[in-house]
């Protein structure tokens, strides 16, 4: 019987998307969480009959990467919630606007 290949490409793509979105208030927890649960379910499926599956180690690696990115996103989300609760949403938006203005001034003075 031919071995089935565990395709971890989708899991890597979701994990990377989650990593790219982590700086947006930790919202990347959604795609990276999906990636983690997908990898976990595939590994459970493969553990029932490991002789029928190929690339189990690749799927384990994808699961670990997804878990690390979930943790990074959870920490950033907790930090964002802490900042909103301590300084308030309006102050955060004002700081963001000021940083954007300074960045634009730097861009205009450099050209």
C-alpha atoms as a PDB file:
ATOM      1  CA  UNK A   1       0.000   0.000   0.000  1.00  0.00           C
ATOM      2  CA  UNK A   2       1.281   3.456  -0.920  1.00  0.00           C
ATOM      3  CA  UNK A   3       1.918   5.910   1.908  1.00  0.00           C
ATOM      4  CA  UNK A   4      -0.174   9.056   2.119  1.00  0.00           C
ATOM      5  CA  UNK A   5       1.812  12.280   2.277  1.00  0.00           C
ATOM      6  CA  UNK A   6       0.964  14.727   5.039  1.00  0.00           C
ATOM      7  CA  UNK A   7       0.895  18.094   3.279  1.00  0.00           C
ATOM      8  CA  UNK A   8       1.972  20.809   5.699  1.00  0.00           C
ATOM      9  CA  UNK A   9       2.073  23.662   3.156  1.00  0.00           C
ATOM     10  CA  UNK A  10      -1.302  25.134   4.162  1.00  0.00           C
ATOM     11  CA  UNK A  11      -0.278  25.027   7.809  1.00  0.00           C
ATOM     12  CA  UNK A  12       2.968  26.877   7.082  1.00  0.00           C
ATOM     13  CA  UNK A  13       1.097  29.502   5.033  1.00  0.00           C
ATOM     14  CA  UNK A  14      -1.461  30.095   7.806  1.00  0.00           C
ATOM     15  CA  UNK A  15       1.287  30.266  10.438  1.00  0.00           C
ATOM     16  CA  UNK A  16       3.280  32.808   8.409  1.00  0.00           C
ATOM     17  CA  UNK A  17       0.130  34.862   7.820  1.00  0.00           C
ATOM     18  CA  UNK A  18      -0.454  34.780  11.566  1.00  0.00           C
ATOM     19  CA  UNK A  19       3.103  35.959  12.171  1.00  0.00           C
ATOM     20  CA  UNK A  20       2.690  38.840   9.724  1.00  0.00           C
ATOM     21  CA  UNK A  21      -0.534  39.907  11.459  1.00  0.00           C
ATOM     22  CA  UNK A  22       0.830  39.676  15.015  1.00  0.00           C
ATOM     23  CA  UNK A  23       1.609  43.394  15.190  1.00  0.00           C
ATOM     24  CA  UNK A  24      -2.016  44.283  14.477  1.00  0.00           C
ATOM     25  CA  UNK A  25      -3.110  43.837  18.064  1.00  0.00           C
ATOM     26  CA  UNK A  26      -2.396  40.114  18.057  1.00  0.00           C
ATOM     27  CA  UNK A  27      -5.082  39.366  15.487  1.00  0.00           C
ATOM     28  CA  UNK A  28      -2.749  36.829  13.895  1.00  0.00           C
ATOM     29  CA  UNK A  29      -3.859  34.422  16.607  1.00  0.00           C
ATOM     30  CA  UNK A  30      -6.749  33.436  14.313  1.00  0.00           C
ATOM     31  CA  UNK A  31      -4.795  32.031  11.326  1.00  0.00           C
ATOM     32  CA  UNK A  32      -2.018  30.638  13.492  1.00  0.00           C
ATOM     33  CA  UNK A  33      -4.568  29.016  15.808  1.00  0.00           C
ATOM     34  CA  UNK A  34      -6.265  27.428  12.812  1.00  0.00           C
ATOM     35  CA  UNK A  35      -2.875  26.187  11.595  1.00  0.00           C
ATOM     36  CA  UNK A  36      -2.099  24.669  14.990  1.00  0.00           C
ATOM     37  CA  UNK A  37      -5.424  22.840  15.230  1.00  0.00           C
ATOM     38  CA  UNK A  38      -5.147  21.592  11.644  1.00  0.00           C
ATOM     39  CA  UNK A  39      -1.660  20.217  12.312  1.00  0.00           C
ATOM     40  CA  UNK A  40      -2.791  18.670  15.573  1.00  0.00           C
ATOM     41  CA  UNK A  41      -5.740  16.901  13.923  1.00  0.00           C
ATOM     42  CA  UNK A  42      -3.565  15.616  11.061  1.00  0.00           C
ATOM     43  CA  UNK A  43      -1.036  14.252  13.556  1.00  0.00           C
ATOM     44  CA  UNK A  44      -3.784  12.537  15.560  1.00  0.00           C
ATOM     45  CA  UNK A  45      -5.057  10.979  12.343  1.00  0.00           C
ATOM     46  CA  UNK A  46      -1.558   9.824  11.446  1.00  0.00           C
ATOM     47  CA  UNK A  47      -0.916   8.431  14.926  1.00  0.00           C
ATOM     48  CA  UNK A  48      -3.696   5.874  14.414  1.00  0.00           C
ATOM     49  CA  UNK A  49      -1.805   4.279  11.518  1.00  0.00           C
ATOM     50  CA  UNK A  50       1.705   5.820  11.257  1.00  0.00           C
ATOM     51  CA  UNK A  51       2.820   3.213   8.731  1.00  0.00           C
ATOM     52  CA  UNK A  52       0.338   4.677   6.219  1.00  0.00           C
ATOM     53  CA  UNK A  53       1.707   8.213   6.349  1.00  0.00           C
ATOM     54  CA  UNK A  54       4.817   9.905   5.084  1.00  0.00           C
ATOM     55  CA  UNK A  55       6.355  13.181   6.328  1.00  0.00           C
ATOM     56  CA  UNK A  56       5.105  12.974   9.924  1.00  0.00           C
ATOM     57  CA  UNK A  57       8.195  14.876  11.115  1.00  0.00           C
ATOM     58  CA  UNK A  58       7.405  17.742   8.733  1.00  0.00           C
ATOM     59  CA  UNK A  59       3.915  17.990  10.188  1.00  0.00           C
ATOM     60  CA  UNK A  60       5.339  17.966  13.733  1.00  0.00           C
ATOM     61  CA  UNK A  61       7.613  20.854  12.775  1.00  0.00           C
ATOM     62  CA  UNK A  62       4.688  22.772  11.272  1.00  0.00           C
ATOM     63  CA  UNK A  63       2.703  22.223  14.486  1.00  0.00           C
ATOM     64  CA  UNK A  64       5.564  23.557  16.629  1.00  0.00           C
ATOM     65  CA  UNK A  65       5.971  26.637  14.426  1.00  0.00           C
ATOM     66  CA  UNK A  66       2.225  27.311  14.539  1.00  0.00           C
ATOM     67  CA  UNK A  67       2.236  26.950  18.335  1.00  0.00           C
ATOM     68  CA  UNK A  68       5.138  29.393  18.719  1.00  0.00           C
ATOM     69  CA  UNK A  69       3.323  31.939  16.560  1.00  0.00           C
ATOM     70  CA  UNK A  70       0.100  31.435  18.562  1.00  0.00           C
ATOM     71  CA  UNK A  71       2.060  32.218  21.743  1.00  0.00           C
ATOM     72  CA  UNK A  72       3.647  35.322  20.178  1.00  0.00           C
ATOM     73  CA  UNK A  73       0.212  36.551  19.092  1.00  0.00           C
ATOM     74  CA  UNK A  74      -1.328  35.821  22.500  1.00  0.00           C
ATOM     75  CA  UNK A  75       1.421  37.813  24.218  1.00  0.00           C
ATOM     76  CA  UNK A  76       1.018  40.749  21.832  1.00  0.00           C
ATOM     77  CA  UNK A  77      -2.766  40.624  22.244  1.00  0.00           C
ATOM     78  CA  UNK A  78      -2.371  40.684  26.033  1.00  0.00           C
ATOM     79  CA  UNK A  79       0.019  43.644  25.697  1.00  0.00           C
ATOM     80  CA  UNK A  80      -2.476  45.484  23.480  1.00  0.00           C
ATOM     81  CA  UNK A  81      -5.326  44.858  25.923  1.00  0.00           C
ATOM     82  CA  UNK A  82      -3.111  46.065  28.771  1.00  0.00           C
ATOM     83  CA  UNK A  83      -2.225  49.261  26.895  1.00  0.00           C
ATOM     84  CA  UNK A  84      -5.851  49.975  26.040  1.00  0.00           C
ATOM     85  CA  UNK A  85      -6.896  49.433  29.655  1.00  0.00           C
ATOM     86  CA  UNK A  86      -4.148  51.637  31.098  1.00  0.00           C
ATOM     87  CA  UNK A  87      -3.836  54.587  28.683  1.00  0.00           C
ATOM     88  CA  UNK A  88      -7.106  54.296  26.774  1.00  0.00           C
ATOM     89  CA  UNK A  89      -8.015  53.900  23.138  1.00  0.00           C
ATOM     90  CA  UNK A  90      -8.067  57.637  22.354  1.00  0.00           C
ATOM     91  CA  UNK A  91      -4.529  58.167  23.680  1.00  0.00           C
ATOM     92  CA  UNK A  92      -3.261  55.167  21.697  1.00  0.00           C
ATOM     93  CA  UNK A  93      -4.786  56.587  18.518  1.00  0.00           C
ATOM     94  CA  UNK A  94      -3.264  60.008  19.241  1.00  0.00           C
ATOM     95  CA  UNK A  95       0.188  58.451  19.740  1.00  0.00           C
ATOM     96  CA  UNK A  96      -0.251  56.526  16.507  1.00  0.00           C
ATOM     97  CA  UNK A  97      -1.247  59.704  14.638  1.00  0.00           C
ATOM     98  CA  UNK A  98       1.788  61.569  16.000  1.00  0.00           C
ATOM     99  CA  UNK A  99       4.147  58.771  15.002  1.00  0.00           C
ATOM    100  CA  UNK A 100       2.624  58.741  11.525  1.00  0.00           C
ATOM    101  CA  UNK A 101       3.089  62.508  11.166  1.00  0.00           C
ATOM    102  CA  UNK A 102       6.734  62.262  12.272  1.00  0.00           C
ATOM    103  CA  UNK A 103       7.330  59.463   9.811  1.00  0.00           C
ATOM    104  CA  UNK A 104       5.768  61.484   6.997  1.00  0.00           C
ATOM    105  CA  UNK A 105       7.925  64.503   7.895  1.00  0.00           C
ATOM    106  CA  UNK A 106      11.010  62.284   7.733  1.00  0.00           C
ATOM    107  CA  UNK A 107       9.937  60.924   4.354  1.00  0.00           C
ATOM    108  CA  UNK A 108       9.349  64.429   2.942  1.00  0.00           C
ATOM    109  CA  UNK A 109      12.615  65.863   4.279  1.00  0.00           C
ATOM    110  CA  UNK A 110      14.606  62.938   2.870  1.00  0.00           C
ATOM    111  CA  UNK A 111      13.490  63.505  -0.728  1.00  0.00           C
END
